Every structure is written in structure tokens, then in C-alpha cells.
Amino acid sequence: MLDDLKNQLAITIKAYQAEGKEVPDELWQQGCLLFMAEQAVKEGNEEKFLFALNELCGGDTATKLIA
């Protein structure tokens, strides 16, 4: 799942760059959050993973899903 999201994000960023457009900060932020989620999986840190997913979803979404 994370690999698919990373690949889609990479395609989107490359498209911006190919068109000579500035990559929006939001896309870089999403990349950082995907990296955080990936690291959390490697560490077995469920809380960190859920935080990263929550932020990727725009806030309280993941919290509502598990509540």
C-alpha cells in the first residue's frame, strides 16, 4: 500500500517538474508523511504509523475510523 502511494506521488512530482512548474509544498509534505509511515512500519510503531496516516488523510479521519 505504501509503495503504491509513494509511486503515485513520485509520478505526480515528476509531472510538475517535467512541465517546469514548482512542486506544491503539500506534495513534499505528503512525501515526508509517507516516509514517516514507512519508518513506523519498520519500527513496529503503530502509534506513529496511525499518526502519519491520520495526517495524510487531513486530520481526524484515522482517529474516527479506529474510535
PDB file of N, CA and C in Angstrom:
ATOM      1  N   MET A   1       0.820  -1.178   0.000  1.00  0.00           N
ATOM      2  CA  MET A   1       0.000   0.000   0.000  1.00  0.00           C
ATOM      3  C   MET A   1       0.876   1.259   0.000  1.00  0.00           C
ATOM      4  N   LEU A   2       1.846   1.315   0.904  1.00  0.00           N
ATOM      5  CA  LEU A   2       2.710   2.488   0.972  1.00  0.00           C
ATOM      6  C   LEU A   2       3.528   2.649  -0.303  1.00  0.00           C
ATOM      7  N   ASP A   3       3.960   1.537  -0.882  1.00  0.00           N
ATOM      8  CA  ASP A   3       4.728   1.615  -2.125  1.00  0.00           C
ATOM      9  C   ASP A   3       3.882   2.206  -3.251  1.00  0.00           C
ATOM     10  N   ASP A   4       2.614   1.817  -3.320  1.00  0.00           N
ATOM     11  CA  ASP A   4       1.721   2.373  -4.346  1.00  0.00           C
ATOM     12  C   ASP A   4       1.546   3.873  -4.159  1.00  0.00           C
ATOM     13  N   LEU A   5       1.363   4.304  -2.921  1.00  0.00           N
ATOM     14  CA  LEU A   5       1.214   5.729  -2.647  1.00  0.00           C
ATOM     15  C   LEU A   5       2.490   6.499  -2.992  1.00  0.00           C
ATOM     16  N   LYS A   6       3.637   5.924  -2.638  1.00  0.00           N
ATOM     17  CA  LYS A   6       4.913   6.572  -2.960  1.00  0.00           C
ATOM     18  C   LYS A   6       5.110   6.682  -4.465  1.00  0.00           C
ATOM     19  N   ASN A   7       4.762   5.636  -5.189  1.00  0.00           N
ATOM     20  CA  ASN A   7       4.909   5.655  -6.645  1.00  0.00           C
ATOM     21  C   ASN A   7       4.005   6.704  -7.279  1.00  0.00           C
ATOM     22  N   GLN A   8       2.764   6.789  -6.828  1.00  0.00           N
ATOM     23  CA  GLN A   8       1.843   7.788  -7.369  1.00  0.00           C
ATOM     24  C   GLN A   8       2.322   9.203  -7.065  1.00  0.00           C
ATOM     25  N   LEU A   9       2.834   9.406  -5.875  1.00  0.00           N
ATOM     26  CA  LEU A   9       3.354  10.714  -5.505  1.00  0.00           C
ATOM     27  C   LEU A   9       4.566  11.067  -6.364  1.00  0.00           C
ATOM     28  N   ALA A  10       5.444  10.103  -6.586  1.00  0.00           N
ATOM     29  CA  ALA A  10       6.621  10.332  -7.423  1.00  0.00           C
ATOM     30  C   ALA A  10       6.213  10.706  -8.849  1.00  0.00           C
ATOM     31  N   ILE A  11       5.224  10.028  -9.390  1.00  0.00           N
ATOM     32  CA  ILE A  11       4.729  10.336 -10.739  1.00  0.00           C
ATOM     33  C   ILE A  11       4.191  11.763 -10.791  1.00  0.00           C
ATOM     34  N   THR A  12       3.445  12.147  -9.768  1.00  0.00           N
ATOM     35  CA  THR A  12       2.869  13.488  -9.713  1.00  0.00           C
ATOM     36  C   THR A  12       3.967  14.547  -9.625  1.00  0.00           C
ATOM     37  N   ILE A  13       4.944  14.320  -8.763  1.00  0.00           N
ATOM     38  CA  ILE A  13       6.040  15.283  -8.615  1.00  0.00           C
ATOM     39  C   ILE A  13       6.832  15.398  -9.912  1.00  0.00           C
ATOM     40  N   LYS A  14       7.117  14.268 -10.547  1.00  0.00           N
ATOM     41  CA  LYS A  14       7.863  14.285 -11.811  1.00  0.00           C
ATOM     42  C   LYS A  14       7.087  15.025 -12.903  1.00  0.00           C
ATOM     43  N   ALA A  15       5.769  14.901 -12.888  1.00  0.00           N
ATOM     44  CA  ALA A  15       4.948  15.610 -13.879  1.00  0.00           C
ATOM     45  C   ALA A  15       5.068  17.121 -13.691  1.00  0.00           C
ATOM     46  N   TYR A  16       5.022  17.576 -12.448  1.00  0.00           N
ATOM     47  CA  TYR A  16       5.212  19.004 -12.178  1.00  0.00           C
ATOM     48  C   TYR A  16       6.574  19.455 -12.686  1.00  0.00           C
ATOM     49  N   GLN A  17       7.598  18.681 -12.363  1.00  0.00           N
ATOM     50  CA  GLN A  17       8.958  19.045 -12.746  1.00  0.00           C
ATOM     51  C   GLN A  17       9.138  19.026 -14.258  1.00  0.00           C
ATOM     52  N   ALA A  18       8.530  18.056 -14.935  1.00  0.00           N
ATOM     53  CA  ALA A  18       8.650  17.964 -16.394  1.00  0.00           C
ATOM     54  C   ALA A  18       8.019  19.171 -17.081  1.00  0.00           C
ATOM     55  N   GLU A  19       6.997  19.725 -16.462  1.00  0.00           N
ATOM     56  CA  GLU A  19       6.328  20.900 -17.019  1.00  0.00           C
ATOM     57  C   GLU A  19       6.984  22.202 -16.568  1.00  0.00           C
ATOM     58  N   GLY A  20       8.043  22.088 -15.777  1.00  0.00           N
ATOM     59  CA  GLY A  20       8.751  23.266 -15.303  1.00  0.00           C
ATOM     60  C   GLY A  20       7.987  24.040 -14.240  1.00  0.00           C
ATOM     61  N   LYS A  21       7.030  23.376 -13.612  1.00  0.00           N
ATOM     62  CA  LYS A  21       6.234  24.018 -12.567  1.00  0.00           C
ATOM     63  C   LYS A  21       6.822  23.717 -11.200  1.00  0.00           C
ATOM     64  N   GLU A  22       6.585  24.629 -10.277  1.00  0.00           N
ATOM     65  CA  GLU A  22       7.039  24.409  -8.907  1.00  0.00           C
ATOM     66  C   GLU A  22       6.155  23.338  -8.249  1.00  0.00           C
ATOM     67  N   VAL A  23       6.793  22.412  -7.562  1.00  0.00           N
ATOM     68  CA  VAL A  23       6.058  21.353  -6.860  1.00  0.00           C
ATOM     69  C   VAL A  23       5.444  21.959  -5.598  1.00  0.00           C
ATOM     70  N   PRO A  24       4.121  21.812  -5.429  1.00  0.00           N
ATOM     71  CA  PRO A  24       3.479  22.379  -4.246  1.00  0.00           C
ATOM     72  C   PRO A  24       4.038  21.787  -2.949  1.00  0.00           C
ATOM     73  N   ASP A  25       4.129  22.631  -1.931  1.00  0.00           N
ATOM     74  CA  ASP A  25       4.629  22.184  -0.622  1.00  0.00           C
ATOM     75  C   ASP A  25       3.836  21.002  -0.087  1.00  0.00           C
ATOM     76  N   GLU A  26       2.547  20.974  -0.384  1.00  0.00           N
ATOM     77  CA  GLU A  26       1.686  19.891   0.104  1.00  0.00           C
ATOM     78  C   GLU A  26       2.183  18.522  -0.383  1.00  0.00           C
ATOM     79  N   LEU A  27       2.683  18.469  -1.603  1.00  0.00           N
ATOM     80  CA  LEU A  27       3.190  17.196  -2.125  1.00  0.00           C
ATOM     81  C   LEU A  27       4.459  16.760  -1.404  1.00  0.00           C
ATOM     82  N   TRP A  28       5.339  17.719  -1.105  1.00  0.00           N
ATOM     83  CA  TRP A  28       6.548  17.383  -0.350  1.00  0.00           C
ATOM     84  C   TRP A  28       6.177  16.911   1.053  1.00  0.00           C
ATOM     85  N   GLN A  29       5.172  17.571   1.637  1.00  0.00           N
ATOM     86  CA  GLN A  29       4.716  17.187   2.976  1.00  0.00           C
ATOM     87  C   GLN A  29       4.150  15.762   2.958  1.00  0.00           C
ATOM     88  N   GLN A  30       3.398  15.447   1.922  1.00  0.00           N
ATOM     89  CA  GLN A  30       2.861  14.087   1.805  1.00  0.00           C
ATOM     90  C   GLN A  30       3.987  13.067   1.696  1.00  0.00           C
ATOM     91  N   GLY A  31       5.038  13.428   0.985  1.00  0.00           N
ATOM     92  CA  GLY A  31       6.192  12.532   0.875  1.00  0.00           C
ATOM     93  C   GLY A  31       6.837  12.280   2.222  1.00  0.00           C
ATOM     94  N   CYS A  32       6.961  13.332   3.013  1.00  0.00           N
ATOM     95  CA  CYS A  32       7.533  13.189   4.361  1.00  0.00           C
ATOM     96  C   CYS A  32       6.652  12.293   5.234  1.00  0.00           C
ATOM     97  N   LEU A  33       5.354  12.460   5.113  1.00  0.00           N
ATOM     98  CA  LEU A  33       4.430  11.641   5.909  1.00  0.00           C
ATOM     99  C   LEU A  33       4.466  10.183   5.468  1.00  0.00           C
ATOM    100  N   LEU A  34       4.601   9.944   4.176  1.00  0.00           N
ATOM    101  CA  LEU A  34       4.731   8.567   3.695  1.00  0.00           C
ATOM    102  C   LEU A  34       6.023   7.936   4.211  1.00  0.00           C
ATOM    103  N   PHE A  35       7.097   8.717   4.222  1.00  0.00           N
ATOM    104  CA  PHE A  35       8.359   8.229   4.769  1.00  0.00           C
ATOM    105  C   PHE A  35       8.198   7.896   6.253  1.00  0.00           C
ATOM    106  N   MET A  36       7.517   8.780   6.991  1.00  0.00           N
ATOM    107  CA  MET A  36       7.279   8.543   8.412  1.00  0.00           C
ATOM    108  C   MET A  36       6.477   7.260   8.625  1.00  0.00           C
ATOM    109  N   ALA A  37       5.453   7.059   7.810  1.00  0.00           N
ATOM    110  CA  ALA A  37       4.625   5.854   7.927  1.00  0.00           C
ATOM    111  C   ALA A  37       5.458   4.613   7.638  1.00  0.00           C
ATOM    112  N   GLU A  38       6.295   4.689   6.628  1.00  0.00           N
ATOM    113  CA  GLU A  38       7.147   3.562   6.265  1.00  0.00           C
ATOM    114  C   GLU A  38       8.135   3.232   7.395  1.00  0.00           C
ATOM    115  N   GLN A  39       8.726   4.254   7.984  1.00  0.00           N
ATOM    116  CA  GLN A  39       9.645   4.045   9.101  1.00  0.00           C
ATOM    117  C   GLN A  39       8.914   3.443  10.303  1.00  0.00           C
ATOM    118  N   ALA A  40       7.701   3.899  10.535  1.00  0.00           N
ATOM    119  CA  ALA A  40       6.910   3.382  11.655  1.00  0.00           C
ATOM    120  C   ALA A  40       6.634   1.896  11.480  1.00  0.00           C
ATOM    121  N   VAL A  41       6.370   1.479  10.255  1.00  0.00           N
ATOM    122  CA  VAL A  41       6.137   0.050   9.992  1.00  0.00           C
ATOM    123  C   VAL A  41       7.408  -0.740  10.296  1.00  0.00           C
ATOM    124  N   LYS A  42       8.548  -0.220   9.837  1.00  0.00           N
ATOM    125  CA  LYS A  42       9.822  -0.905  10.083  1.00  0.00           C
ATOM    126  C   LYS A  42      10.135  -1.005  11.576  1.00  0.00           C
ATOM    127  N   GLU A  43       9.731   0.026  12.333  1.00  0.00           N
ATOM    128  CA  GLU A  43       9.974   0.060  13.778  1.00  0.00           C
ATOM    129  C   GLU A  43       8.909  -0.700  14.567  1.00  0.00           C
ATOM    130  N   GLY A  44       7.816  -1.036  13.905  1.00  0.00           N
ATOM    131  CA  GLY A  44       6.694  -1.665  14.609  1.00  0.00           C
ATOM    132  C   GLY A  44       5.959  -0.688  15.510  1.00  0.00           C
ATOM    133  N   ASN A  45       6.016   0.596  15.159  1.00  0.00           N
ATOM    134  CA  ASN A  45       5.419   1.651  15.973  1.00  0.00           C
ATOM    135  C   ASN A  45       4.038   2.000  15.420  1.00  0.00           C
ATOM    136  N   GLU A  46       3.014   1.346  15.949  1.00  0.00           N
ATOM    137  CA  GLU A  46       1.650   1.519  15.455  1.00  0.00           C
ATOM    138  C   GLU A  46       1.138   2.947  15.670  1.00  0.00           C
ATOM    139  N   GLU A  47       1.490   3.541  16.797  1.00  0.00           N
ATOM    140  CA  GLU A  47       1.026   4.897  17.104  1.00  0.00           C
ATOM    141  C   GLU A  47       1.573   5.900  16.082  1.00  0.00           C
ATOM    142  N   LYS A  48       2.845   5.788  15.771  1.00  0.00           N
ATOM    143  CA  LYS A  48       3.479   6.674  14.784  1.00  0.00           C
ATOM    144  C   LYS A  48       2.876   6.447  13.399  1.00  0.00           C
ATOM    145  N   PHE A  49       2.611   5.187  13.061  1.00  0.00           N
ATOM    146  CA  PHE A  49       2.005   4.845  11.778  1.00  0.00           C
ATOM    147  C   PHE A  49       0.619   5.470  11.657  1.00  0.00           C
ATOM    148  N   LEU A  50      -0.188   5.318  12.699  1.00  0.00           N
ATOM    149  CA  LEU A  50      -1.540   5.887  12.670  1.00  0.00           C
ATOM    150  C   LEU A  50      -1.505   7.409  12.610  1.00  0.00           C
ATOM    151  N   PHE A  51      -0.547   8.016  13.290  1.00  0.00           N
ATOM    152  CA  PHE A  51      -0.402   9.472  13.225  1.00  0.00           C
ATOM    153  C   PHE A  51      -0.123   9.913  11.789  1.00  0.00           C
ATOM    154  N   ALA A  52       0.827   9.236  11.135  1.00  0.00           N
ATOM    155  CA  ALA A  52       1.178   9.595   9.762  1.00  0.00           C
ATOM    156  C   ALA A  52      -0.011   9.421   8.826  1.00  0.00           C
ATOM    157  N   LEU A  53      -0.737   8.315   8.952  1.00  0.00           N
ATOM    158  CA  LEU A  53      -1.919   8.094   8.121  1.00  0.00           C
ATOM    159  C   LEU A  53      -2.984   9.136   8.396  1.00  0.00           C
ATOM    160  N   ASN A  54      -3.159   9.467   9.653  1.00  0.00           N
ATOM    161  CA  ASN A  54      -4.131  10.478  10.045  1.00  0.00           C
ATOM    162  C   ASN A  54      -3.812  11.806   9.365  1.00  0.00           C
ATOM    163  N   GLU A  55      -2.550  12.194   9.385  1.00  0.00           N
ATOM    164  CA  GLU A  55      -2.136  13.447   8.764  1.00  0.00           C
ATOM    165  C   GLU A  55      -2.302  13.390   7.242  1.00  0.00           C
ATOM    166  N   LEU A  56      -2.014  12.249   6.645  1.00  0.00           N
ATOM    167  CA  LEU A  56      -2.205  12.098   5.203  1.00  0.00           C
ATOM    168  C   LEU A  56      -3.672  12.241   4.811  1.00  0.00           C
ATOM    169  N   CYS A  57      -4.547  11.809   5.703  1.00  0.00           N
ATOM    170  CA  CYS A  57      -5.986  11.895   5.442  1.00  0.00           C
ATOM    171  C   CYS A  57      -6.553  13.274   5.763  1.00  0.00           C
ATOM    172  N   GLY A  58      -5.721  14.163   6.265  1.00  0.00           N
ATOM    173  CA  GLY A  58      -6.167  15.522   6.513  1.00  0.00           C
ATOM    174  C   GLY A  58      -6.584  15.814   7.922  1.00  0.00           C
ATOM    175  N   GLY A  59      -6.289  14.951   8.851  1.00  0.00           N
ATOM    176  CA  GLY A  59      -6.639  15.236  10.238  1.00  0.00           C
ATOM    177  C   GLY A  59      -7.365  14.092  10.883  1.00  0.00           C
ATOM    178  N   ASP A  60      -8.404  14.384  11.591  1.00  0.00           N
ATOM    179  CA  ASP A  60      -9.099  13.459  12.474  1.00  0.00           C
ATOM    180  C   ASP A  60      -9.702  12.217  11.828  1.00  0.00           C
ATOM    181  N   THR A  61      -9.470  11.990  10.550  1.00  0.00           N
ATOM    182  CA  THR A  61     -10.087  10.876   9.841  1.00  0.00           C
ATOM    183  C   THR A  61      -9.722   9.528  10.437  1.00  0.00           C
ATOM    184  N   ALA A  62      -8.427   9.243  10.584  1.00  0.00           N
ATOM    185  CA  ALA A  62      -7.993   7.936  11.086  1.00  0.00           C
ATOM    186  C   ALA A  62      -8.440   7.744  12.526  1.00  0.00           C
ATOM    187  N   THR A  63      -8.432   8.825  13.293  1.00  0.00           N
ATOM    188  CA  THR A  63      -8.869   8.737  14.673  1.00  0.00           C
ATOM    189  C   THR A  63     -10.328   8.309  14.733  1.00  0.00           C
ATOM    190  N   LYS A  64     -11.144   8.857  13.853  1.00  0.00           N
ATOM    191  CA  LYS A  64     -12.566   8.494  13.807  1.00  0.00           C
ATOM    192  C   LYS A  64     -12.756   7.051  13.351  1.00  0.00           C
ATOM    193  N   LEU A  65     -11.887   6.579  12.433  1.00  0.00           N
ATOM    194  CA  LEU A  65     -12.017   5.238  11.929  1.00  0.00           C
ATOM    195  C   LEU A  65     -11.718   4.188  12.995  1.00  0.00           C
ATOM    196  N   ILE A  66     -10.787   4.488  13.914  1.00  0.00           N
ATOM    197  CA  ILE A  66     -10.439   3.480  14.911  1.00  0.00           C
ATOM    198  C   ILE A  66     -11.156   3.708  16.230  1.00  0.00           C
ATOM    199  N   ALA A  67     -11.846   4.810  16.373  1.00  0.00           N
ATOM    200  CA  ALA A  67     -12.559   5.122  17.626  1.00  0.00           C
ATOM    201  C   ALA A  67     -13.827   4.319  17.768  1.00  0.00           C
TER     202      ALA A  67
END
